[in-house]
C-alpha atoms as a PDB file:
ATOM      1  CA  MET A   1       6.676 -19.275  24.068  1.00  0.00           C
ATOM      2  CA  LYS A   2       7.409 -15.546  23.933  1.00  0.00           C
ATOM      3  CA  LEU A   3       7.370 -13.786  20.542  1.00  0.00           C
ATOM      4  CA  ASN A   4      10.585 -12.040  19.542  1.00  0.00           C
ATOM      5  CA  LEU A   5       9.307  -8.523  19.031  1.00  0.00           C
ATOM      6  CA  LYS A   6      11.056  -5.234  18.326  1.00  0.00           C
ATOM      7  CA  ARG A   7       7.886  -3.280  18.814  1.00  0.00           C
ATOM      8  CA  PRO A   8       4.265  -4.120  19.777  1.00  0.00           C
ATOM      9  CA  LEU A   9       2.377  -6.577  17.577  1.00  0.00           C
ATOM     10  CA  ALA A  10      -1.390  -5.904  17.502  1.00  0.00           C
ATOM     11  CA  PHE A  11      -3.625  -8.908  16.721  1.00  0.00           C
ATOM     12  CA  PHE A  12      -7.047  -7.682  15.779  1.00  0.00           C
ATOM     13  CA  ASP A  13     -10.283  -9.018  14.469  1.00  0.00           C
ATOM     14  CA  LEU A  14     -13.416  -7.267  13.116  1.00  0.00           C
ATOM     15  CA  GLU A  15     -17.064  -8.048  13.073  1.00  0.00           C
ATOM     16  CA  THR A  16     -18.750  -6.141  10.219  1.00  0.00           C
ATOM     17  CA  THR A  17     -21.995  -5.469   8.444  1.00  0.00           C
ATOM     18  CA  GLY A  18     -20.817  -7.649   5.520  1.00  0.00           C
ATOM     19  CA  VAL A  19     -17.774  -8.712   3.474  1.00  0.00           C
ATOM     20  CA  ASN A  20     -17.481  -5.818   0.946  1.00  0.00           C
ATOM     21  CA  VAL A  21     -14.242  -4.016   1.817  1.00  0.00           C
ATOM     22  CA  ALA A  22     -15.288  -0.770   0.100  1.00  0.00           C
ATOM     23  CA  SER A  23     -18.828  -0.403   1.484  1.00  0.00           C
ATOM     24  CA  ASP A  24     -19.332  -2.479   4.646  1.00  0.00           C
ATOM     25  CA  ARG A  25     -18.641  -1.112   8.127  1.00  0.00           C
ATOM     26  CA  ILE A  26     -17.172  -2.284  11.441  1.00  0.00           C
ATOM     27  CA  VAL A  27     -19.562  -3.187  14.274  1.00  0.00           C
ATOM     28  CA  GLU A  28     -16.966  -4.586  16.663  1.00  0.00           C
ATOM     29  CA  ILE A  29     -13.180  -4.486  16.856  1.00  0.00           C
ATOM     30  CA  SER A  30     -11.076  -6.405  19.356  1.00  0.00           C
ATOM     31  CA  ILE A  31      -7.315  -5.890  19.656  1.00  0.00           C
ATOM     32  CA  LEU A  32      -4.772  -7.886  21.579  1.00  0.00           C
ATOM     33  CA  LYS A  33      -1.525  -5.917  21.742  1.00  0.00           C
ATOM     34  CA  ALA A  34       1.483  -8.172  22.475  1.00  0.00           C
ATOM     35  CA  MET A  35       4.325  -6.138  23.874  1.00  0.00           C
ATOM     36  CA  PRO A  36       8.087  -6.823  23.438  1.00  0.00           C
ATOM     37  CA  ASP A  37       8.407  -7.502  27.188  1.00  0.00           C
ATOM     38  CA  GLY A  38       5.777 -10.317  26.924  1.00  0.00           C
ATOM     39  CA  THR A  39       2.870  -8.399  28.466  1.00  0.00           C
ATOM     40  CA  GLU A  40      -0.483  -8.122  26.708  1.00  0.00           C
ATOM     41  CA  ASP A  41      -3.148  -5.439  26.486  1.00  0.00           C
ATOM     42  CA  VAL A  42      -6.691  -6.130  25.158  1.00  0.00           C
ATOM     43  CA  LYS A  43      -9.166  -3.577  23.937  1.00  0.00           C
ATOM     44  CA  THR A  44     -12.683  -4.386  22.564  1.00  0.00           C
ATOM     45  CA  LEU A  45     -15.048  -1.755  21.182  1.00  0.00           C
ATOM     46  CA  ARG A  46     -18.527  -1.963  19.717  1.00  0.00           C
ATOM     47  CA  ILE A  47     -19.054   0.551  16.875  1.00  0.00           C
ATOM     48  CA  ASN A  48     -22.256   2.076  15.496  1.00  0.00           C
ATOM     49  CA  PRO A  49     -21.765   1.531  11.718  1.00  0.00           C
ATOM     50  CA  GLY A  50     -24.267   4.178  10.763  1.00  0.00           C
ATOM     51  CA  ILE A  51     -26.041   1.686   8.472  1.00  0.00           C
ATOM     52  CA  PRO A  52     -28.386  -1.274   9.270  1.00  0.00           C
ATOM     53  CA  ILE A  53     -26.740  -4.593   9.987  1.00  0.00           C
ATOM     54  CA  PRO A  54     -28.135  -7.269   7.591  1.00  0.00           C
ATOM     55  CA  ILE A  55     -29.803 -10.073   9.480  1.00  0.00           C
ATOM     56  CA  GLU A  56     -27.467 -12.617   7.721  1.00  0.00           C
ATOM     57  CA  SER A  57     -24.457 -10.894   9.358  1.00  0.00           C
ATOM     58  CA  SER A  58     -26.123 -10.603  12.731  1.00  0.00           C
ATOM     59  CA  LEU A  59     -26.872 -14.339  12.793  1.00  0.00           C
ATOM     60  CA  ILE A  60     -23.135 -14.976  12.373  1.00  0.00           C
ATOM     61  CA  HIS A  61     -21.624 -12.615  14.932  1.00  0.00           C
ATOM     62  CA  GLY A  62     -24.653 -12.082  17.203  1.00  0.00           C
ATOM     63  CA  ILE A  63     -24.591  -8.270  17.006  1.00  0.00           C
ATOM     64  CA  TYR A  64     -27.894  -6.583  16.100  1.00  0.00           C
ATOM     65  CA  ASP A  65     -28.889  -2.997  15.389  1.00  0.00           C
ATOM     66  CA  GLU A  66     -30.234  -2.480  18.884  1.00  0.00           C
ATOM     67  CA  ASP A  67     -26.910  -3.683  20.378  1.00  0.00           C
ATOM     68  CA  ILE A  68     -24.965  -0.835  18.870  1.00  0.00           C
ATOM     69  CA  ARG A  69     -27.585   1.912  18.627  1.00  0.00           C
ATOM     70  CA  ASN A  70     -25.980   3.937  21.434  1.00  0.00           C
ATOM     71  CA  GLU A  71     -22.314   3.119  20.638  1.00  0.00           C
ATOM     72  CA  ARG A  72     -19.877   5.620  19.151  1.00  0.00           C
ATOM     73  CA  THR A  73     -19.392   5.819  15.385  1.00  0.00           C
ATOM     74  CA  PHE A  74     -15.984   4.988  13.918  1.00  0.00           C
ATOM     75  CA  LYS A  75     -15.361   8.697  13.359  1.00  0.00           C
ATOM     76  CA  GLN A  76     -15.860   9.286  17.114  1.00  0.00           C
ATOM     77  CA  ALA A  77     -13.790   6.238  18.230  1.00  0.00           C
ATOM     78  CA  GLY A  78     -11.174   6.275  15.523  1.00  0.00           C
ATOM     79  CA  GLU A  79      -8.669   8.598  17.206  1.00  0.00           C
ATOM     80  CA  GLU A  80      -8.623   6.298  20.309  1.00  0.00           C
ATOM     81  CA  LEU A  81      -7.997   3.287  18.094  1.00  0.00           C
ATOM     82  CA  ALA A  82      -5.249   5.039  16.150  1.00  0.00           C
ATOM     83  CA  ARG A  83      -3.477   5.927  19.430  1.00  0.00           C
ATOM     84  CA  PHE A  84      -3.819   2.365  20.716  1.00  0.00           C
ATOM     85  CA  LEU A  85      -2.320   0.973  17.466  1.00  0.00           C
ATOM     86  CA  ASP A  86       0.440   3.604  17.292  1.00  0.00           C
ATOM     87  CA  ASP A  87       3.863   2.066  16.546  1.00  0.00           C
ATOM     88  CA  CYS A  88       2.382  -1.433  16.271  1.00  0.00           C
ATOM     89  CA  ASP A  89       2.869  -4.019  13.595  1.00  0.00           C
ATOM     90  CA  LEU A  90      -0.450  -5.651  12.671  1.00  0.00           C
ATOM     91  CA  ALA A  91      -1.521  -9.313  12.708  1.00  0.00           C
ATOM     92  CA  GLY A  92      -4.625 -11.288  12.398  1.00  0.00           C
ATOM     93  CA  TYR A  93      -6.359 -14.146  10.637  1.00  0.00           C
ATOM     94  CA  ASN A  94      -7.085 -13.334   6.959  1.00  0.00           C
ATOM     95  CA  SER A  95      -6.150  -9.790   8.067  1.00  0.00           C
ATOM     96  CA  ASN A  96      -4.218  -8.840   4.895  1.00  0.00           C
ATOM     97  CA  ARG A  97      -7.239  -9.444   2.682  1.00  0.00           C
ATOM     98  CA  PHE A  98     -10.069  -8.291   4.938  1.00  0.00           C
ATOM     99  CA  ASP A  99      -9.405  -6.826   8.369  1.00  0.00           C
ATOM    100  CA  ILE A 100      -6.592  -4.395   7.489  1.00  0.00           C
ATOM    101  CA  PRO A 101      -8.319  -3.166   4.254  1.00  0.00           C
ATOM    102  CA  VAL A 102     -11.603  -2.627   6.119  1.00  0.00           C
ATOM    103  CA  LEU A 103      -9.848  -0.796   8.961  1.00  0.00           C
ATOM    104  CA  MET A 104      -8.006   1.459   6.483  1.00  0.00           C
ATOM    105  CA  GLU A 105     -11.282   2.246   4.697  1.00  0.00           C
ATOM    106  CA  GLU A 106     -12.799   3.294   8.025  1.00  0.00           C
ATOM    107  CA  PHE A 107      -9.863   5.521   8.891  1.00  0.00           C
ATOM    108  CA  LEU A 108      -9.847   7.120   5.464  1.00  0.00           C
ATOM    109  CA  ARG A 109     -13.616   7.617   5.550  1.00  0.00           C
ATOM    110  CA  ALA A 110     -13.353   9.276   8.912  1.00  0.00           C
ATOM    111  CA  GLY A 111     -10.482  11.509   7.778  1.00  0.00           C
ATOM    112  CA  ILE A 112      -8.127  10.073  10.399  1.00  0.00           C
ATOM    113  CA  ASP A 113      -4.469   9.941   9.464  1.00  0.00           C
ATOM    114  CA  PHE A 114      -3.302   6.332  10.160  1.00  0.00           C
ATOM    115  CA  ASP A 115       0.055   5.700   8.557  1.00  0.00           C
ATOM    116  CA  ILE A 116       0.797   2.076   7.652  1.00  0.00           C
ATOM    117  CA  GLU A 117       3.782   2.659   5.386  1.00  0.00           C
ATOM    118  CA  ASN A 118       6.431   1.365   7.835  1.00  0.00           C
ATOM    119  CA  ARG A 119       4.491  -1.418   9.563  1.00  0.00           C
ATOM    120  CA  HIS A 120       4.761  -5.145   9.146  1.00  0.00           C
ATOM    121  CA  PHE A 121       1.686  -7.312   8.569  1.00  0.00           C
ATOM    122  CA  VAL A 122       1.542 -10.925   9.732  1.00  0.00           C
ATOM    123  CA  ASP A 123      -1.436 -12.872   8.373  1.00  0.00           C
ATOM    124  CA  VAL A 124      -1.660 -16.113  10.425  1.00  0.00           C
ATOM    125  CA  GLN A 125      -4.076 -17.606   7.918  1.00  0.00           C
ATOM    126  CA  ASN A 126      -1.448 -17.289   5.167  1.00  0.00           C
ATOM    127  CA  ILE A 127       1.046 -19.264   7.235  1.00  0.00           C
ATOM    128  CA  PHE A 128      -1.618 -21.828   7.970  1.00  0.00           C
ATOM    129  CA  HIS A 129      -2.976 -22.153   4.410  1.00  0.00           C
ATOM    130  CA  GLN A 130       0.511 -22.330   2.914  1.00  0.00           C
ATOM    131  CA  MET A 131       1.632 -24.901   5.426  1.00  0.00           C
ATOM    132  CA  GLU A 132      -1.550 -26.870   6.217  1.00  0.00           C
ATOM    133  CA  GLN A 133      -4.538 -25.395   4.226  1.00  0.00           C
ATOM    134  CA  ARG A 134      -7.345 -25.169   6.847  1.00  0.00           C
ATOM    135  CA  THR A 135      -9.603 -22.645   8.770  1.00  0.00           C
ATOM    136  CA  LEU A 136      -9.184 -20.856  12.092  1.00  0.00           C
ATOM    137  CA  LYS A 137     -11.312 -23.394  13.981  1.00  0.00           C
ATOM    138  CA  ALA A 138      -9.289 -26.291  12.491  1.00  0.00           C
ATOM    139  CA  ALA A 139      -6.016 -24.329  12.982  1.00  0.00           C
ATOM    140  CA  TYR A 140      -6.748 -23.912  16.676  1.00  0.00           C
ATOM    141  CA  GLN A 141      -7.580 -27.609  16.998  1.00  0.00           C
ATOM    142  CA  PHE A 142      -4.625 -28.651  14.898  1.00  0.00           C
ATOM    143  CA  TYR A 143      -2.000 -26.477  16.557  1.00  0.00           C
ATOM    144  CA  CYS A 144      -3.297 -26.064  20.018  1.00  0.00           C
ATOM    145  CA  GLY A 145      -5.440 -29.155  20.499  1.00  0.00           C
ATOM    146  CA  LYS A 146      -8.375 -27.092  21.689  1.00  0.00           C
ATOM    147  CA  ASP A 147     -11.781 -25.856  20.470  1.00  0.00           C
ATOM    148  CA  ILE A 148     -12.559 -22.154  20.358  1.00  0.00           C
ATOM    149  CA  GLU A 149     -15.073 -21.256  23.001  1.00  0.00           C
ATOM    150  CA  ASN A 150     -17.613 -18.609  21.978  1.00  0.00           C
ATOM    151  CA  ALA A 151     -16.565 -18.831  18.270  1.00  0.00           C
ATOM    152  CA  HIS A 152     -17.316 -15.743  16.120  1.00  0.00           C
ATOM    153  CA  SER A 153     -16.690 -13.475  19.105  1.00  0.00           C
ATOM    154  CA  ALA A 154     -13.975 -11.091  18.032  1.00  0.00           C
ATOM    155  CA  GLU A 155     -12.093 -11.329  21.299  1.00  0.00           C
ATOM    156  CA  ALA A 156     -12.226 -15.153  21.310  1.00  0.00           C
ATOM    157  CA  ASP A 157     -11.016 -15.211  17.735  1.00  0.00           C
ATOM    158  CA  ILE A 158      -7.990 -12.960  18.224  1.00  0.00           C
ATOM    159  CA  LYS A 159      -6.902 -14.830  21.371  1.00  0.00           C
ATOM    160  CA  ALA A 160      -7.088 -18.050  19.395  1.00  0.00           C
ATOM    161  CA  THR A 161      -5.183 -16.428  16.545  1.00  0.00           C
ATOM    162  CA  TYR A 162      -2.458 -15.267  18.959  1.00  0.00           C
ATOM    163  CA  GLU A 163      -2.022 -18.789  20.338  1.00  0.00           C
ATOM    164  CA  VAL A 164      -2.018 -20.282  16.882  1.00  0.00           C
ATOM    165  CA  LEU A 165       0.868 -18.023  15.696  1.00  0.00           C
ATOM    166  CA  LYS A 166       3.019 -19.011  18.696  1.00  0.00           C
ATOM    167  CA  ALA A 167       2.270 -22.704  18.022  1.00  0.00           C
ATOM    168  CA  GLN A 168       3.058 -22.276  14.304  1.00  0.00           C
ATOM    169  CA  ILE A 169       6.440 -20.809  15.089  1.00  0.00           C
ATOM    170  CA  GLU A 170       7.278 -23.668  17.454  1.00  0.00           C
ATOM    171  CA  ARG A 171       6.181 -26.197  14.871  1.00  0.00           C
ATOM    172  CA  TYR A 172       7.700 -24.755  11.670  1.00  0.00           C
ATOM    173  CA  GLN A 173      10.679 -22.601  12.513  1.00  0.00           C
ATOM    174  CA  ASN A 174      13.169 -25.315  11.458  1.00  0.00           C
ATOM    175  CA  GLN A 175      11.016 -26.868   8.713  1.00  0.00           C
ATOM    176  CA  ASN A 176      11.884 -26.553   5.013  1.00  0.00           C
ATOM    177  CA  TRP A 177       9.361 -25.040   2.572  1.00  0.00           C
ATOM    178  CA  GLU A 178       9.617 -25.118  -1.244  1.00  0.00           C
ATOM    179  CA  ASP A 179       8.178 -22.273  -3.291  1.00  0.00           C
ATOM    180  CA  LYS A 180       6.803 -22.509  -6.845  1.00  0.00           C
ATOM    181  CA  LYS A 181      10.276 -21.944  -8.274  1.00  0.00           C
ATOM    182  CA  GLY A 182      11.715 -24.831  -6.346  1.00  0.00           C
ATOM    183  CA  ILE A 183      13.635 -22.592  -3.915  1.00  0.00           C
ATOM    184  CA  VAL A 184      13.819 -24.219  -0.460  1.00  0.00           C
ATOM    185  CA  SER A 185      13.909 -22.059   2.692  1.00  0.00           C
ATOM    186  CA  GLN A 186      12.787 -22.036   6.328  1.00  0.00           C
ATOM    187  CA  PRO A 187      10.433 -19.052   6.222  1.00  0.00           C
ATOM    188  CA  VAL A 188       8.623 -19.462   9.523  1.00  0.00           C
ATOM    189  CA  GLN A 189      10.855 -17.884  12.119  1.00  0.00           C
ATOM    190  CA  ASN A 190      10.361 -16.106  15.438  1.00  0.00           C
ATOM    191  CA  ASN A 191      10.998 -12.858  13.575  1.00  0.00           C
ATOM    192  CA  ILE A 192       8.331 -10.422  12.445  1.00  0.00           C
ATOM    193  CA  GLU A 193      10.172  -9.310   9.307  1.00  0.00           C
ATOM    194  CA  ALA A 194      10.388 -12.946   8.139  1.00  0.00           C
ATOM    195  CA  LEU A 195       6.754 -13.658   8.946  1.00  0.00           C
ATOM    196  CA  HIS A 196       5.765 -10.432   7.060  1.00  0.00           C
ATOM    197  CA  ALA A 197       7.651 -11.618   4.001  1.00  0.00           C
ATOM    198  CA  PHE A 198       6.127 -15.146   4.150  1.00  0.00           C
ATOM    199  CA  THR A 199       2.528 -13.926   4.614  1.00  0.00           C
ATOM    200  CA  ASN A 200       2.794 -11.356   1.823  1.00  0.00           C
ATOM    201  CA  LEU A 201       4.124 -13.586  -1.008  1.00  0.00           C
ATOM    202  CA  ASN A 202       1.959 -12.069  -3.689  1.00  0.00           C
ATOM    203  CA  LYS A 203       3.498  -8.609  -2.938  1.00  0.00           C
ATOM    204  CA  PRO A 204       0.324  -6.504  -3.131  1.00  0.00           C
ATOM    205  CA  VAL A 205       0.601  -2.765  -3.766  1.00  0.00           C
ATOM    206  CA  ASP A 206      -2.828  -2.263  -2.177  1.00  0.00           C
ATOM    207  CA  PHE A 207      -4.590  -4.596   0.217  1.00  0.00           C
ATOM    208  CA  ALA A 208      -7.287  -5.506  -2.324  1.00  0.00           C
ATOM    209  CA  ALA A 209      -4.395  -6.663  -4.583  1.00  0.00           C
ATOM    210  CA  ARG A 210      -5.755  -4.750  -7.609  1.00  0.00           C
ATOM    211  CA  MET A 211      -2.104  -3.903  -8.193  1.00  0.00           C
ATOM    212  CA  VAL A 212       0.864  -6.093  -7.262  1.00  0.00           C
ATOM    213  CA  TYR A 213       4.657  -5.845  -7.578  1.00  0.00           C
ATOM    214  CA  ASN A 214       6.291  -7.995 -10.269  1.00  0.00           C
ATOM    215  CA  GLU A 215       9.666  -9.706  -9.903  1.00  0.00           C
ATOM    216  CA  ASP A 216      11.409  -6.412 -10.763  1.00  0.00           C
ATOM    217  CA  GLY A 217       9.553  -4.530  -8.049  1.00  0.00           C
ATOM    218  CA  VAL A 218       7.378  -2.689 -10.561  1.00  0.00           C
ATOM    219  CA  GLU A 219       3.676  -2.070  -9.893  1.00  0.00           C
ATOM    220  CA  VAL A 220       1.444  -4.009 -12.339  1.00  0.00           C
ATOM    221  CA  ILE A 221      -2.294  -4.248 -12.844  1.00  0.00           C
ATOM    222  CA  ASN A 222      -3.629  -7.502 -11.310  1.00  0.00           C
ATOM    223  CA  PHE A 223      -7.090  -7.752 -12.937  1.00  0.00           C
ATOM    224  CA  GLY A 224      -9.059  -7.157 -16.132  1.00  0.00           C
ATOM    225  CA  LYS A 225      -7.794  -6.438 -19.619  1.00  0.00           C
ATOM    226  CA  HIS A 226      -4.459  -4.949 -18.458  1.00  0.00           C
ATOM    227  CA  LYS A 227      -3.573  -7.722 -16.024  1.00  0.00           C
ATOM    228  CA  GLY A 228       0.225  -8.101 -15.840  1.00  0.00           C
ATOM    229  CA  ARG A 229       0.994  -4.743 -17.458  1.00  0.00           C
ATOM    230  CA  PRO A 230       3.018  -2.075 -15.541  1.00  0.00           C
ATOM    231  CA  VAL A 231       0.668   0.603 -14.216  1.00  0.00           C
ATOM    232  CA  GLU A 232       2.762   3.431 -15.720  1.00  0.00           C
ATOM    233  CA  ASP A 233       2.625   1.756 -19.141  1.00  0.00           C
ATOM    234  CA  VAL A 234      -1.185   1.640 -18.886  1.00  0.00           C
ATOM    235  CA  PHE A 235      -1.182   5.373 -17.938  1.00  0.00           C
ATOM    236  CA  GLN A 236       0.960   6.083 -20.964  1.00  0.00           C
ATOM    237  CA  SER A 237      -1.205   4.200 -23.514  1.00  0.00           C
ATOM    238  CA  GLU A 238      -4.612   4.828 -21.879  1.00  0.00           C
ATOM    239  CA  PRO A 239      -4.576   7.872 -19.569  1.00  0.00           C
ATOM    240  CA  SER A 240      -8.378   7.608 -19.072  1.00  0.00           C
ATOM    241  CA  TYR A 241      -7.811   4.307 -17.173  1.00  0.00           C
ATOM    242  CA  TYR A 242      -6.640   6.327 -14.160  1.00  0.00           C
ATOM    243  CA  ASN A 243      -9.911   8.302 -13.997  1.00  0.00           C
ATOM    244  CA  TRP A 244     -11.922   5.103 -14.528  1.00  0.00           C
ATOM    245  CA  MET A 245     -10.346   3.463 -11.487  1.00  0.00           C
ATOM    246  CA  LEU A 246     -10.396   6.626  -9.410  1.00  0.00           C
ATOM    247  CA  ASN A 247     -14.155   7.045  -9.940  1.00  0.00           C
ATOM    248  CA  GLY A 248     -14.927   3.284  -9.865  1.00  0.00           C
ATOM    249  CA  ASP A 249     -16.051   1.013  -7.056  1.00  0.00           C
ATOM    250  CA  PHE A 250     -12.565   0.400  -5.657  1.00  0.00           C
ATOM    251  CA  PRO A 251     -11.448   0.662  -2.008  1.00  0.00           C
ATOM    252  CA  LEU A 252     -10.159   4.098  -0.931  1.00  0.00           C
ATOM    253  CA  TYR A 253      -6.752   2.718  -0.131  1.00  0.00           C
ATOM    254  CA  THR A 254      -6.488   1.265  -3.639  1.00  0.00           C
ATOM    255  CA  LYS A 255      -7.265   4.731  -4.997  1.00  0.00           C
ATOM    256  CA  ARG A 256      -4.686   6.305  -2.729  1.00  0.00           C
ATOM    257  CA  CYS A 257      -1.997   3.927  -4.038  1.00  0.00           C
ATOM    258  CA  LEU A 258      -3.128   4.547  -7.602  1.00  0.00           C
ATOM    259  CA  GLU A 259      -2.932   8.318  -7.120  1.00  0.00           C
ATOM    260  CA  LYS A 260       0.600   7.999  -5.775  1.00  0.00           C
ATOM    261  CA  ILE A 261       1.740   6.124  -8.884  1.00  0.00           C
ATOM    262  CA  TRP A 262      -0.082   8.636 -11.089  1.00  0.00           C
ATOM    263  CA  ASN A 263       1.670  11.597  -9.419  1.00  0.00           C
ATOM    264  CA  ARG A 264       5.039   9.902  -9.801  1.00  0.00           C
ATOM    265  CA  PHE A 265       4.274   9.106 -13.469  1.00  0.00           C
ATOM    266  CA  ASN A 266       3.427  12.717 -14.221  1.00  0.00           C
ATOM    267  CA  ALA A 267       6.507  13.984 -12.340  1.00  0.00           C
ATOM    268  CA  LYS A 268       8.658  11.837 -14.576  1.00  0.00           C
ATOM    269  CA  LYS A 269       6.906  13.226 -17.691  1.00  0.00           C
ATOM    270  CA  ASP A 270       7.453  16.791 -16.541  1.00  0.00           C
ATOM    271  CA  GLN A 271      11.129  16.106 -15.882  1.00  0.00           C
ATOM    272  CA  LEU A 272      11.588  14.516 -19.314  1.00  0.00           C
ATOM    273  CA  ARG A 273       9.875  17.521 -20.928  1.00  0.00           C
ATOM    274  CA  ILE A 274      12.230  19.931 -19.165  1.00  0.00           C
ATOM    275  CA  GLU A 275      15.275  17.894 -20.230  1.00  0.00           C
ATOM    276  CA  ARG A 276      14.126  17.894 -23.853  1.00  0.00           C
ATOM    277  CA  GLN A 277      13.482  21.646 -23.832  1.00  0.00           C
ATOM    278  CA  THR A 278      16.940  22.270 -22.344  1.00  0.00           C
ATOM    279  CA  ALA A 279      18.588  20.055 -24.973  1.00  0.00           C
ATOM    280  CA  ALA A 280      16.715  21.913 -27.782  1.00  0.00           C
ATOM    281  CA  VAL A 281      18.229  25.293 -26.916  1.00  0.00           C
ATOM    282  CA  THR A 282      21.366  25.952 -29.045  1.00  0.00           C
ATOM    283  CA  PRO A 283      24.106  27.593 -26.956  1.00  0.00           C
ATOM    284  CA  LYS A 284      25.393  30.997 -28.154  1.00  0.00           C
ATOM    285  CA  THR A 285      28.826  30.969 -29.710  1.00  0.00           C
ATOM    286  CA  GLU A 286      31.316  33.739 -30.177  1.00  0.00           C
ATOM    287  CA  GLN A 287      31.020  35.587 -33.498  1.00  0.00           C
ATOM    288  CA  SER A 288      33.596  34.256 -35.906  1.00  0.00           C
ATOM    289  CA  THR A 289      36.090  36.459 -37.689  1.00  0.00           C
ATOM    290  CA  PRO A 290      35.107  37.169 -41.341  1.00  0.00           C
ATOM    291  CA  GLN A 291      37.162  35.228 -43.824  1.00  0.00           C
ATOM    292  CA  ASN A 292      37.656  38.317 -46.047  1.00  0.00           C
ATOM    293  CA  PRO A 293      37.922  41.299 -43.761  1.00  0.00           C
ATOM    294  CA  LYS A 294      37.706  44.738 -45.433  1.00  0.00           C
ATOM    295  CA  GLU A 295      41.005  46.398 -46.120  1.00  0.00           C
ATOM    296  CA  GLU A 296      41.885  49.348 -43.983  1.00  0.00           C
ATOM    297  CA  ALA A 297      41.005  52.746 -45.566  1.00  0.00           C
ATOM    298  CA  LYS A 298      43.932  54.449 -47.260  1.00  0.00           C
ATOM    299  CA  PRO A 299      44.528  58.247 -47.070  1.00  0.00           C
ATOM    300  CA  LEU A 300      43.440  60.385 -50.151  1.00  0.00           C
ATOM    301  CA  THR A 301      46.172  61.574 -52.475  1.00  0.00           C
ATOM    302  CA  ASN A 302      46.162  64.440 -55.078  1.00  0.00           C
ATOM    303  CA  ASP A 303      45.702  61.879 -57.912  1.00  0.00           C
ATOM    304  CA  HIS A 304      42.561  60.547 -56.194  1.00  0.00           C
ATOM    305  CA  LEU A 305      41.135  64.045 -55.855  1.00  0.00           C
ATOM    306  CA  GLU A 306      41.777  64.773 -59.520  1.00  0.00           C
ATOM    307  CA  GLN A 307      40.067  61.593 -60.582  1.00  0.00           C
ATOM    308  CA  LEU A 308      36.998  62.491 -58.463  1.00  0.00           C
ATOM    309  CA  LYS A 309      36.777  66.002 -60.067  1.00  0.00           C
ATOM    310  CA  MET A 310      36.838  64.502 -63.540  1.00  0.00           C
ATOM    311  CA  LYS A 311      34.205  61.953 -62.608  1.00  0.00           C
ATOM    312  CA  PHE A 312      31.699  64.262 -60.997  1.00  0.00           C
ATOM    313  CA  GLY A 313      32.551  67.469 -62.941  1.00  0.00           C
ATOM    314  CA  LYS A 314      33.529  69.429 -59.940  1.00  0.00           C
END
């Protein structure tokens, strides 16, 4: 089947030095760009991570230090990738929790402006786990009736992911699904906006989900002692929490989102201060007329002059 696309949908998969979003690096990225007209464009790049690849990771994806020694760094290849992904929505398998956050860390680390504010994200794993609860290999077998050849190759994985999404839409687009509140809907549709909503049910503010939106659309802390509290309330009661997170071992994109909320919070405080200062100023009023105004001076008479002479001896 053909996906119903308003703009390109880029399926991508990463092979990395490890699984730490904040510190590990990309060693291979493969992108399958599905176009609205049904055509496809595939790009695969090896990346020199600038750090050694742990042997445990190499044994999984088959990429060793000597394989990428002469490849470009992400800083050198990043502009090319940003152009290739321009105006694309993003899709992948577990991409919301790993691939997109890692990619954003690399762009931020390299100082490359890659705007994701107005993109949709479709995580095929979320559809699968919420509908069937399995892995990519099982998903490919379950939906497509095939085994992945050359598993753990980035290109093989994203091609399988692309086929799985199309099979999921065919299978579920008229199937009811009940959420935790008992609301029944048909969330799997051949529509990227609907798939974005269904694969982002926890409404993360940042990809690491250190902050999420509550039911009122307010950003709340999603870990630790302040879990469930609005971020701005935490800033109000414990301003040092902002610096703690900003200087802590959190992904760069988490810090960018945190800084955006902090700036908005301080702008509100400044506006409130100005309003209070304005209200405290008493407006000038016109001077009131004295209740007992002085009588107008009367002209001197001869009697008055005589009285003055007697008083002062003049």
